[in-house]
């Protein structure tokens, strides 16, 4: 089952800029650190936020293509009926929505994307709108060749798939800070 948490933008000199759809990971909710900060940045920059809370299939229960269809349907459903400006922030599993986001032509921020999955890497390499990609140096889904070839802003920070840096809380905090500040700067230009 999928549900939404809708949050209203803070007052901004530019007024409301549009809707930011936040797509989580499989076991990484919209309240986990990266997406919590992404939501707060979007709200501060004048975007209404729709957090998608879902119960995806267990890892390996679906073929990757079927999982991508399901994730893409979640994005379409979250954006349905909205006719203003749209931006997507997606983490991990949520980055399987990249082909649908490309079809919608909306800017997107990809946080720890599944770059080793061709469905994701091909969509991001040909992405038709502005994009930001942030990933950890020790993330098992990092493909450095794909990352180097991506258009838009890329951010490579210490950390694994959740930007955890074992035995180094300062580096872990710095990684989250760097991604948050990059997202803030990127959203200001949207």
N, C-alpha and C. Protein backbone atom coordinates (compact mmCIF):
# COMPACT_ATOMS: atom_id res chain seq x y z
N UNK A 1 0.84 -1.18 0.00
CA UNK A 1 0.00 0.00 0.00
C UNK A 1 0.88 1.25 0.00
N UNK A 2 0.44 2.24 -0.72
CA UNK A 2 1.17 3.51 -0.81
C UNK A 2 0.32 4.61 -0.20
N UNK A 3 0.98 5.48 0.54
CA UNK A 3 0.30 6.66 1.06
C UNK A 3 1.21 7.86 0.84
N UNK A 4 0.61 9.04 0.93
CA UNK A 4 1.34 10.28 0.74
C UNK A 4 1.30 11.13 2.00
N UNK A 5 2.39 11.82 2.24
CA UNK A 5 2.41 12.88 3.24
C UNK A 5 2.71 14.15 2.46
N UNK A 6 1.76 15.07 2.48
CA UNK A 6 1.89 16.34 1.76
C UNK A 6 2.27 17.44 2.73
N UNK A 7 3.31 18.18 2.37
CA UNK A 7 3.82 19.26 3.21
C UNK A 7 3.82 20.55 2.39
N UNK A 8 3.36 21.63 3.00
CA UNK A 8 3.26 22.91 2.30
C UNK A 8 4.59 23.67 2.36
N UNK A 9 4.91 24.29 1.25
CA UNK A 9 6.14 25.07 1.14
C UNK A 9 6.15 26.21 2.14
N UNK A 10 7.36 26.55 2.60
CA UNK A 10 7.52 27.73 3.42
C UNK A 10 7.36 28.96 2.53
N UNK A 11 7.07 30.08 3.13
CA UNK A 11 6.93 31.32 2.38
C UNK A 11 8.27 31.62 1.71
N UNK A 12 8.21 31.89 0.43
CA UNK A 12 9.43 32.15 -0.34
C UNK A 12 9.23 33.43 -1.15
N UNK A 13 10.30 34.20 -1.37
CA UNK A 13 10.16 35.41 -2.19
C UNK A 13 9.64 35.10 -3.59
N UNK A 14 9.93 33.89 -4.08
CA UNK A 14 9.47 33.50 -5.42
C UNK A 14 8.06 32.93 -5.40
N UNK A 15 7.47 32.77 -4.21
CA UNK A 15 6.18 32.11 -4.11
C UNK A 15 6.37 30.61 -4.19
N UNK A 16 5.29 29.87 -4.34
CA UNK A 16 5.38 28.42 -4.46
C UNK A 16 5.94 28.09 -5.84
N UNK A 17 6.97 27.27 -5.86
CA UNK A 17 7.66 26.97 -7.11
C UNK A 17 7.08 25.75 -7.82
N UNK A 18 6.42 24.87 -7.07
CA UNK A 18 5.87 23.67 -7.68
C UNK A 18 5.79 22.56 -6.66
N UNK A 19 5.79 21.33 -7.17
CA UNK A 19 5.67 20.15 -6.33
C UNK A 19 6.94 19.31 -6.44
N UNK A 20 7.48 18.93 -5.30
CA UNK A 20 8.63 18.03 -5.21
C UNK A 20 8.12 16.68 -4.72
N UNK A 21 8.25 15.66 -5.55
CA UNK A 21 7.86 14.30 -5.17
C UNK A 21 9.10 13.59 -4.64
N UNK A 22 9.01 13.07 -3.43
CA UNK A 22 10.12 12.37 -2.78
C UNK A 22 9.83 10.87 -2.81
N UNK A 23 10.69 10.14 -3.53
CA UNK A 23 10.56 8.69 -3.64
C UNK A 23 11.64 8.03 -2.78
N UNK A 24 11.25 7.18 -1.84
CA UNK A 24 12.21 6.58 -0.91
C UNK A 24 12.91 5.36 -1.50
N UNK A 25 13.69 4.73 -0.64
CA UNK A 25 14.31 3.47 -0.99
C UNK A 25 13.46 2.31 -0.50
N UNK A 26 13.98 1.12 -0.64
CA UNK A 26 13.24 -0.07 -0.19
C UNK A 26 13.08 -0.07 1.33
N UNK A 27 14.19 0.16 2.03
CA UNK A 27 14.18 0.18 3.49
C UNK A 27 14.67 1.52 4.02
N UNK A 28 14.43 2.56 3.25
CA UNK A 28 14.90 3.91 3.59
C UNK A 28 13.72 4.85 3.40
N UNK A 29 13.07 5.21 4.49
CA UNK A 29 11.84 5.98 4.43
C UNK A 29 12.12 7.46 4.13
N UNK A 30 11.06 8.21 3.81
CA UNK A 30 11.23 9.65 3.61
C UNK A 30 11.69 10.40 4.86
N UNK A 31 11.63 9.76 6.02
CA UNK A 31 12.12 10.41 7.24
C UNK A 31 13.56 10.05 7.57
N UNK A 32 14.20 9.20 6.76
CA UNK A 32 15.61 8.88 6.98
C UNK A 32 16.45 10.09 6.57
N UNK A 33 17.69 10.17 7.05
CA UNK A 33 18.46 11.43 6.96
C UNK A 33 18.51 12.11 5.59
N UNK A 34 18.93 11.44 4.55
CA UNK A 34 19.05 12.13 3.26
C UNK A 34 17.72 12.70 2.79
N UNK A 35 16.66 11.92 2.92
CA UNK A 35 15.36 12.38 2.43
C UNK A 35 14.71 13.37 3.39
N UNK A 36 15.00 13.25 4.67
CA UNK A 36 14.53 14.27 5.62
C UNK A 36 15.13 15.62 5.24
N UNK A 37 16.44 15.67 5.04
CA UNK A 37 17.08 16.93 4.69
C UNK A 37 16.64 17.42 3.32
N UNK A 38 16.46 16.50 2.37
CA UNK A 38 15.97 16.89 1.04
C UNK A 38 14.60 17.54 1.14
N UNK A 39 13.73 16.96 1.95
CA UNK A 39 12.39 17.53 2.15
C UNK A 39 12.49 18.92 2.76
N UNK A 40 13.32 19.09 3.77
CA UNK A 40 13.44 20.39 4.43
C UNK A 40 14.00 21.45 3.48
N UNK A 41 14.97 21.06 2.65
CA UNK A 41 15.53 21.99 1.68
C UNK A 41 14.47 22.40 0.66
N UNK A 42 13.73 21.42 0.15
CA UNK A 42 12.69 21.73 -0.84
C UNK A 42 11.64 22.68 -0.25
N UNK A 43 11.20 22.41 0.96
CA UNK A 43 10.22 23.28 1.60
C UNK A 43 10.78 24.70 1.77
N UNK A 44 12.03 24.80 2.18
CA UNK A 44 12.65 26.11 2.38
C UNK A 44 12.83 26.87 1.07
N UNK A 45 12.96 26.14 -0.02
CA UNK A 45 13.14 26.77 -1.34
C UNK A 45 11.82 27.00 -2.07
N UNK A 46 10.70 26.82 -1.37
CA UNK A 46 9.41 27.17 -1.95
C UNK A 46 8.68 26.06 -2.68
N UNK A 47 9.08 24.82 -2.47
CA UNK A 47 8.41 23.69 -3.12
C UNK A 47 7.46 23.02 -2.13
N UNK A 48 6.23 22.76 -2.58
CA UNK A 48 5.38 21.83 -1.82
C UNK A 48 6.04 20.47 -1.96
N UNK A 49 5.91 19.62 -0.96
CA UNK A 49 6.52 18.29 -1.00
C UNK A 49 5.45 17.22 -0.82
N UNK A 50 5.53 16.22 -1.67
CA UNK A 50 4.71 15.02 -1.51
C UNK A 50 5.67 13.86 -1.26
N UNK A 51 5.69 13.39 -0.02
CA UNK A 51 6.50 12.21 0.31
C UNK A 51 5.70 10.96 -0.02
N UNK A 52 6.33 10.04 -0.71
CA UNK A 52 5.70 8.76 -1.04
C UNK A 52 6.18 7.74 -0.02
N UNK A 53 5.23 7.16 0.69
CA UNK A 53 5.52 6.10 1.67
C UNK A 53 4.96 4.82 1.08
N UNK A 54 5.81 3.84 0.86
CA UNK A 54 5.36 2.62 0.18
C UNK A 54 5.83 1.37 0.88
N UNK A 55 5.24 0.26 0.46
CA UNK A 55 5.64 -1.07 0.91
C UNK A 55 6.02 -1.86 -0.33
N UNK A 56 7.27 -1.74 -0.79
CA UNK A 56 7.68 -2.44 -2.00
C UNK A 56 7.81 -3.95 -1.76
N UNK A 57 7.88 -4.67 -2.84
CA UNK A 57 8.10 -6.11 -2.76
C UNK A 57 9.46 -6.38 -2.12
N UNK A 58 9.60 -7.53 -1.54
CA UNK A 58 10.88 -7.93 -0.94
C UNK A 58 11.95 -7.97 -2.02
N UNK A 59 13.19 -7.67 -1.61
CA UNK A 59 14.32 -7.69 -2.55
C UNK A 59 14.37 -9.04 -3.26
N UNK A 60 14.39 -9.00 -4.57
CA UNK A 60 14.48 -10.22 -5.38
C UNK A 60 13.15 -10.87 -5.69
N UNK A 61 12.05 -10.37 -5.14
CA UNK A 61 10.74 -10.97 -5.40
C UNK A 61 10.25 -10.66 -6.81
N UNK A 62 10.71 -9.55 -7.38
CA UNK A 62 10.32 -9.16 -8.73
C UNK A 62 11.56 -9.02 -9.59
N UNK A 63 11.40 -9.25 -10.87
CA UNK A 63 12.48 -8.93 -11.82
C UNK A 63 12.66 -7.41 -11.81
N UNK A 64 13.86 -6.97 -12.09
CA UNK A 64 14.16 -5.55 -12.03
C UNK A 64 13.24 -4.74 -12.96
N UNK A 65 12.91 -5.29 -14.11
CA UNK A 65 12.04 -4.58 -15.04
C UNK A 65 10.64 -4.38 -14.44
N UNK A 66 10.13 -5.42 -13.75
CA UNK A 66 8.82 -5.32 -13.11
C UNK A 66 8.85 -4.34 -11.95
N UNK A 67 9.95 -4.36 -11.22
CA UNK A 67 10.10 -3.42 -10.11
C UNK A 67 10.14 -1.98 -10.63
N UNK A 68 10.83 -1.78 -11.75
CA UNK A 68 10.91 -0.44 -12.34
C UNK A 68 9.52 0.02 -12.80
N UNK A 69 8.73 -0.87 -13.35
CA UNK A 69 7.37 -0.51 -13.73
C UNK A 69 6.58 -0.07 -12.50
N UNK A 70 6.68 -0.85 -11.42
CA UNK A 70 5.96 -0.51 -10.19
C UNK A 70 6.40 0.85 -9.64
N UNK A 71 7.70 1.08 -9.57
CA UNK A 71 8.20 2.36 -9.05
C UNK A 71 7.76 3.51 -9.96
N UNK A 72 7.84 3.31 -11.26
CA UNK A 72 7.38 4.34 -12.20
C UNK A 72 5.91 4.66 -12.02
N UNK A 73 5.10 3.62 -11.78
CA UNK A 73 3.67 3.84 -11.53
C UNK A 73 3.45 4.65 -10.26
N UNK A 74 4.31 4.44 -9.27
CA UNK A 74 4.20 5.21 -8.02
C UNK A 74 4.46 6.69 -8.28
N UNK A 75 5.45 6.99 -9.12
CA UNK A 75 5.73 8.39 -9.46
C UNK A 75 4.56 8.99 -10.23
N UNK A 76 4.07 8.28 -11.24
CA UNK A 76 2.95 8.80 -12.02
C UNK A 76 1.74 9.07 -11.12
N UNK A 77 1.44 8.15 -10.22
CA UNK A 77 0.30 8.32 -9.32
C UNK A 77 0.50 9.52 -8.40
N UNK A 78 1.73 9.70 -7.90
CA UNK A 78 2.01 10.82 -6.99
C UNK A 78 1.87 12.16 -7.70
N UNK A 79 2.18 12.20 -8.99
CA UNK A 79 2.12 13.45 -9.76
C UNK A 79 0.78 13.64 -10.46
N UNK A 80 -0.06 12.63 -10.45
CA UNK A 80 -1.33 12.68 -11.18
C UNK A 80 -2.18 13.87 -10.73
N UNK A 81 -2.70 14.58 -11.72
CA UNK A 81 -3.57 15.71 -11.44
C UNK A 81 -2.83 17.01 -11.15
N UNK A 82 -1.52 16.94 -11.01
CA UNK A 82 -0.75 18.15 -10.76
C UNK A 82 -0.28 18.70 -12.10
N UNK A 83 -0.60 19.96 -12.39
CA UNK A 83 -0.23 20.50 -13.70
C UNK A 83 0.80 21.62 -13.62
N UNK A 84 1.40 21.81 -12.45
CA UNK A 84 2.44 22.82 -12.29
C UNK A 84 3.83 22.22 -12.47
N UNK A 85 4.83 22.97 -12.03
CA UNK A 85 6.22 22.51 -12.13
C UNK A 85 6.43 21.35 -11.17
N UNK A 86 7.17 20.37 -11.64
CA UNK A 86 7.40 19.15 -10.87
C UNK A 86 8.90 18.89 -10.81
N UNK A 87 9.38 18.49 -9.63
CA UNK A 87 10.76 18.04 -9.46
C UNK A 87 10.70 16.74 -8.66
N UNK A 88 11.63 15.83 -8.95
CA UNK A 88 11.67 14.54 -8.27
C UNK A 88 12.96 14.44 -7.47
N UNK A 89 12.84 13.94 -6.24
CA UNK A 89 14.00 13.56 -5.44
C UNK A 89 13.81 12.08 -5.13
N UNK A 90 14.75 11.26 -5.57
CA UNK A 90 14.60 9.81 -5.42
C UNK A 90 15.85 9.20 -4.82
N UNK A 91 15.65 8.22 -3.95
CA UNK A 91 16.75 7.52 -3.28
C UNK A 91 16.69 6.05 -3.64
N UNK A 92 17.81 5.48 -4.08
CA UNK A 92 17.97 4.04 -4.24
C UNK A 92 16.86 3.43 -5.08
N UNK A 93 15.99 2.61 -4.49
CA UNK A 93 14.89 1.98 -5.23
C UNK A 93 14.08 3.02 -6.00
N UNK A 94 13.88 4.18 -5.41
CA UNK A 94 13.12 5.24 -6.08
C UNK A 94 13.73 5.69 -7.39
N UNK A 95 15.04 5.47 -7.57
CA UNK A 95 15.69 5.90 -8.81
C UNK A 95 15.29 5.02 -10.00
N UNK A 96 14.61 3.90 -9.72
CA UNK A 96 14.06 3.11 -10.82
C UNK A 96 12.97 3.87 -11.56
N UNK A 97 12.51 4.98 -11.01
CA UNK A 97 11.51 5.83 -11.67
C UNK A 97 12.14 6.74 -12.71
N UNK A 98 13.45 6.67 -12.91
CA UNK A 98 14.13 7.58 -13.84
C UNK A 98 13.52 7.59 -15.25
N UNK A 99 13.17 6.45 -15.84
CA UNK A 99 12.55 6.53 -17.18
C UNK A 99 11.22 7.29 -17.18
N UNK A 100 10.42 7.13 -16.14
CA UNK A 100 9.14 7.85 -16.07
C UNK A 100 9.40 9.33 -15.82
N UNK A 101 10.34 9.65 -14.93
CA UNK A 101 10.68 11.05 -14.69
C UNK A 101 11.18 11.70 -15.98
N UNK A 102 11.94 10.95 -16.77
CA UNK A 102 12.40 11.47 -18.07
C UNK A 102 11.22 11.74 -18.99
N UNK A 103 10.25 10.81 -19.01
CA UNK A 103 9.05 11.02 -19.83
C UNK A 103 8.29 12.28 -19.39
N UNK A 104 8.28 12.52 -18.10
CA UNK A 104 7.59 13.71 -17.57
C UNK A 104 8.41 14.98 -17.81
N UNK A 105 9.71 14.81 -18.12
CA UNK A 105 10.57 15.95 -18.42
C UNK A 105 10.88 16.83 -17.23
N UNK A 106 10.86 16.25 -16.03
CA UNK A 106 11.07 17.08 -14.83
C UNK A 106 12.50 16.96 -14.31
N UNK A 107 13.02 18.04 -13.74
CA UNK A 107 14.31 17.96 -13.08
C UNK A 107 14.27 16.91 -11.98
N UNK A 108 15.42 16.30 -11.71
CA UNK A 108 15.45 15.23 -10.70
C UNK A 108 16.78 15.21 -9.97
N UNK A 109 16.69 14.90 -8.69
CA UNK A 109 17.87 14.68 -7.85
C UNK A 109 17.89 13.20 -7.50
N UNK A 110 18.97 12.53 -7.85
CA UNK A 110 19.12 11.09 -7.64
C UNK A 110 20.11 10.88 -6.49
N UNK A 111 19.60 10.39 -5.38
CA UNK A 111 20.43 10.17 -4.20
C UNK A 111 20.73 8.69 -4.07
N UNK A 112 21.99 8.35 -4.09
CA UNK A 112 22.50 6.97 -4.11
C UNK A 112 21.75 6.12 -5.13
N UNK A 113 21.79 6.55 -6.40
CA UNK A 113 21.07 5.82 -7.45
C UNK A 113 21.70 4.45 -7.73
N UNK A 114 20.91 3.62 -8.34
CA UNK A 114 21.35 2.25 -8.69
C UNK A 114 22.08 2.29 -10.03
N UNK A 115 23.27 2.90 -10.03
CA UNK A 115 24.00 3.14 -11.28
C UNK A 115 24.46 1.86 -11.98
N UNK A 116 24.52 0.74 -11.27
CA UNK A 116 24.95 -0.52 -11.91
C UNK A 116 23.78 -1.18 -12.63
N UNK A 117 22.57 -0.68 -12.43
CA UNK A 117 21.40 -1.23 -13.12
C UNK A 117 21.22 -0.49 -14.44
N UNK A 118 21.27 -1.21 -15.57
CA UNK A 118 21.13 -0.55 -16.87
C UNK A 118 19.86 0.29 -17.01
N UNK A 119 18.76 -0.14 -16.42
CA UNK A 119 17.53 0.66 -16.50
C UNK A 119 17.74 2.06 -15.94
N UNK A 120 18.51 2.16 -14.88
CA UNK A 120 18.77 3.46 -14.26
C UNK A 120 19.87 4.20 -15.00
N UNK A 121 20.99 3.54 -15.22
CA UNK A 121 22.12 4.24 -15.84
C UNK A 121 21.78 4.75 -17.23
N UNK A 122 21.07 3.97 -18.03
CA UNK A 122 20.70 4.43 -19.38
C UNK A 122 19.77 5.63 -19.32
N UNK A 123 18.81 5.60 -18.39
CA UNK A 123 17.90 6.74 -18.26
C UNK A 123 18.64 8.00 -17.80
N UNK A 124 19.55 7.85 -16.86
CA UNK A 124 20.28 9.01 -16.35
C UNK A 124 21.28 9.55 -17.38
N UNK A 125 21.89 8.67 -18.16
CA UNK A 125 22.84 9.11 -19.19
C UNK A 125 22.15 9.92 -20.29
N UNK A 126 20.88 9.64 -20.53
CA UNK A 126 20.13 10.34 -21.57
C UNK A 126 19.10 11.30 -20.98
N UNK A 127 19.24 11.64 -19.72
CA UNK A 127 18.20 12.40 -19.04
C UNK A 127 17.98 13.75 -19.71
N UNK A 128 16.72 14.10 -20.02
CA UNK A 128 16.44 15.30 -20.81
C UNK A 128 16.28 16.59 -20.00
N UNK A 129 16.38 16.52 -18.70
CA UNK A 129 16.16 17.69 -17.85
C UNK A 129 17.32 17.82 -16.87
N UNK A 130 17.42 18.94 -16.18
CA UNK A 130 18.50 19.09 -15.20
C UNK A 130 18.45 17.98 -14.14
N UNK A 131 19.64 17.51 -13.77
CA UNK A 131 19.70 16.46 -12.75
C UNK A 131 20.90 16.67 -11.83
N UNK A 132 20.73 16.19 -10.61
CA UNK A 132 21.78 16.15 -9.61
C UNK A 132 21.91 14.69 -9.19
N UNK A 133 23.13 14.20 -9.14
CA UNK A 133 23.37 12.81 -8.72
C UNK A 133 24.37 12.83 -7.58
N UNK A 134 24.00 12.19 -6.45
CA UNK A 134 24.89 12.12 -5.29
C UNK A 134 24.99 10.68 -4.83
N UNK A 135 26.22 10.23 -4.55
CA UNK A 135 26.43 8.84 -4.19
C UNK A 135 27.70 8.72 -3.35
N UNK A 136 27.76 7.69 -2.54
CA UNK A 136 28.92 7.43 -1.70
C UNK A 136 30.01 6.67 -2.44
N UNK A 137 31.25 6.96 -2.05
CA UNK A 137 32.41 6.31 -2.69
C UNK A 137 32.43 4.80 -2.52
N UNK A 138 31.85 4.29 -1.44
CA UNK A 138 31.86 2.84 -1.22
C UNK A 138 30.47 2.23 -1.40
N UNK A 139 29.60 2.94 -2.09
CA UNK A 139 28.26 2.42 -2.38
C UNK A 139 28.39 1.26 -3.37
N UNK A 140 27.81 0.09 -3.07
CA UNK A 140 27.91 -1.04 -4.00
C UNK A 140 27.20 -0.79 -5.33
N UNK A 141 26.36 0.24 -5.41
CA UNK A 141 25.66 0.56 -6.66
C UNK A 141 26.38 1.63 -7.47
N UNK A 142 27.55 2.05 -7.04
CA UNK A 142 28.33 3.05 -7.76
C UNK A 142 29.03 2.43 -8.96
N UNK A 143 28.84 3.05 -10.10
CA UNK A 143 29.61 2.75 -11.30
C UNK A 143 30.30 4.06 -11.66
N UNK A 144 31.59 4.12 -11.40
CA UNK A 144 32.32 5.38 -11.59
C UNK A 144 32.33 5.84 -13.05
N UNK A 145 32.34 4.92 -13.99
CA UNK A 145 32.31 5.29 -15.40
C UNK A 145 30.99 5.97 -15.74
N UNK A 146 29.90 5.40 -15.27
CA UNK A 146 28.59 6.01 -15.51
C UNK A 146 28.53 7.37 -14.82
N UNK A 147 28.96 7.45 -13.57
CA UNK A 147 28.91 8.72 -12.84
C UNK A 147 29.68 9.81 -13.59
N UNK A 148 30.85 9.48 -14.08
CA UNK A 148 31.68 10.46 -14.79
C UNK A 148 31.03 10.94 -16.09
N UNK A 149 30.19 10.09 -16.68
CA UNK A 149 29.57 10.43 -17.97
C UNK A 149 28.23 11.15 -17.83
N UNK A 150 27.70 11.24 -16.62
CA UNK A 150 26.39 11.85 -16.42
C UNK A 150 26.41 13.34 -16.68
N UNK A 151 25.32 13.85 -17.22
CA UNK A 151 25.12 15.27 -17.33
C UNK A 151 24.66 15.81 -15.99
N UNK A 152 24.70 17.12 -15.84
CA UNK A 152 24.24 17.72 -14.60
C UNK A 152 25.31 17.70 -13.54
N UNK A 153 24.92 17.99 -12.32
CA UNK A 153 25.84 18.05 -11.19
C UNK A 153 25.99 16.67 -10.58
N UNK A 154 27.21 16.25 -10.31
CA UNK A 154 27.45 15.00 -9.60
C UNK A 154 28.22 15.28 -8.32
N UNK A 155 27.90 14.52 -7.29
CA UNK A 155 28.55 14.68 -5.99
C UNK A 155 28.96 13.29 -5.52
N UNK A 156 30.24 13.10 -5.30
CA UNK A 156 30.78 11.84 -4.78
C UNK A 156 31.35 12.13 -3.40
N UNK A 157 30.80 11.47 -2.39
CA UNK A 157 31.18 11.73 -1.00
C UNK A 157 31.61 10.42 -0.33
N UNK A 158 32.30 10.51 0.79
CA UNK A 158 32.60 9.30 1.54
C UNK A 158 31.29 8.63 1.98
N UNK A 159 31.32 7.30 2.05
CA UNK A 159 30.16 6.61 2.58
C UNK A 159 29.66 5.49 1.70
N UNK A 160 28.76 4.70 2.29
CA UNK A 160 28.17 3.57 1.59
C UNK A 160 26.81 3.98 1.01
N UNK A 161 25.90 3.02 0.88
CA UNK A 161 24.62 3.28 0.24
C UNK A 161 23.71 4.21 1.05
N UNK A 162 23.95 4.33 2.35
CA UNK A 162 23.20 5.28 3.18
C UNK A 162 24.12 6.39 3.69
N UNK A 163 25.27 6.50 3.06
CA UNK A 163 26.32 7.47 3.42
C UNK A 163 26.85 7.27 4.83
N UNK A 164 26.83 6.01 5.25
CA UNK A 164 27.44 5.64 6.53
C UNK A 164 28.95 5.50 6.29
N UNK A 165 29.73 6.08 7.19
CA UNK A 165 31.18 5.95 7.16
C UNK A 165 31.56 5.26 8.47
N UNK A 166 31.87 3.96 8.41
CA UNK A 166 32.15 3.23 9.65
C UNK A 166 33.26 3.89 10.47
N UNK A 167 33.02 3.97 11.76
CA UNK A 167 34.00 4.48 12.72
C UNK A 167 34.42 5.92 12.50
N UNK A 168 33.65 6.69 11.72
CA UNK A 168 34.02 8.09 11.50
C UNK A 168 32.76 8.96 11.42
N UNK A 169 32.16 9.26 12.57
CA UNK A 169 30.93 10.05 12.56
C UNK A 169 31.08 11.43 11.92
N UNK A 170 32.28 12.03 12.05
CA UNK A 170 32.48 13.35 11.45
C UNK A 170 32.42 13.27 9.92
N UNK A 171 33.04 12.24 9.35
CA UNK A 171 33.01 12.07 7.90
C UNK A 171 31.59 11.76 7.43
N UNK A 172 30.86 10.98 8.23
CA UNK A 172 29.49 10.65 7.88
C UNK A 172 28.62 11.91 7.87
N UNK A 173 28.76 12.72 8.89
CA UNK A 173 28.02 13.97 8.96
C UNK A 173 28.42 14.91 7.82
N UNK A 174 29.72 14.97 7.53
CA UNK A 174 30.20 15.83 6.44
C UNK A 174 29.62 15.38 5.10
N UNK A 175 29.51 14.07 4.88
CA UNK A 175 28.94 13.56 3.63
C UNK A 175 27.48 13.99 3.49
N UNK A 176 26.71 13.84 4.55
CA UNK A 176 25.31 14.27 4.52
C UNK A 176 25.20 15.78 4.30
N UNK A 177 26.08 16.53 4.94
CA UNK A 177 26.08 17.98 4.79
C UNK A 177 26.39 18.37 3.36
N UNK A 178 27.40 17.74 2.76
CA UNK A 178 27.77 18.08 1.38
C UNK A 178 26.64 17.81 0.41
N UNK A 179 25.97 16.68 0.57
CA UNK A 179 24.85 16.35 -0.31
C UNK A 179 23.70 17.33 -0.09
N UNK A 180 23.40 17.65 1.15
CA UNK A 180 22.31 18.58 1.45
C UNK A 180 22.58 19.96 0.86
N UNK A 181 23.80 20.45 1.00
CA UNK A 181 24.15 21.76 0.46
C UNK A 181 24.13 21.75 -1.07
N UNK A 182 24.56 20.66 -1.68
CA UNK A 182 24.50 20.54 -3.14
C UNK A 182 23.05 20.55 -3.62
N UNK A 183 22.19 19.84 -2.91
CA UNK A 183 20.77 19.82 -3.27
C UNK A 183 20.16 21.21 -3.10
N UNK A 184 20.52 21.90 -2.04
CA UNK A 184 20.02 23.25 -1.81
C UNK A 184 20.41 24.17 -2.98
N UNK A 185 21.67 24.15 -3.36
CA UNK A 185 22.12 25.00 -4.46
C UNK A 185 21.42 24.62 -5.77
N UNK A 186 21.27 23.32 -6.00
CA UNK A 186 20.62 22.84 -7.22
C UNK A 186 19.16 23.26 -7.27
N UNK A 187 18.45 23.12 -6.15
CA UNK A 187 17.03 23.50 -6.12
C UNK A 187 16.82 25.01 -6.28
N UNK A 188 17.78 25.80 -5.82
CA UNK A 188 17.65 27.26 -5.99
C UNK A 188 17.57 27.65 -7.46
N UNK A 189 18.21 26.84 -8.32
CA UNK A 189 18.24 27.13 -9.76
C UNK A 189 17.05 26.54 -10.52
N UNK A 190 16.19 25.85 -9.83
CA UNK A 190 15.06 25.22 -10.52
C UNK A 190 13.96 26.23 -10.59
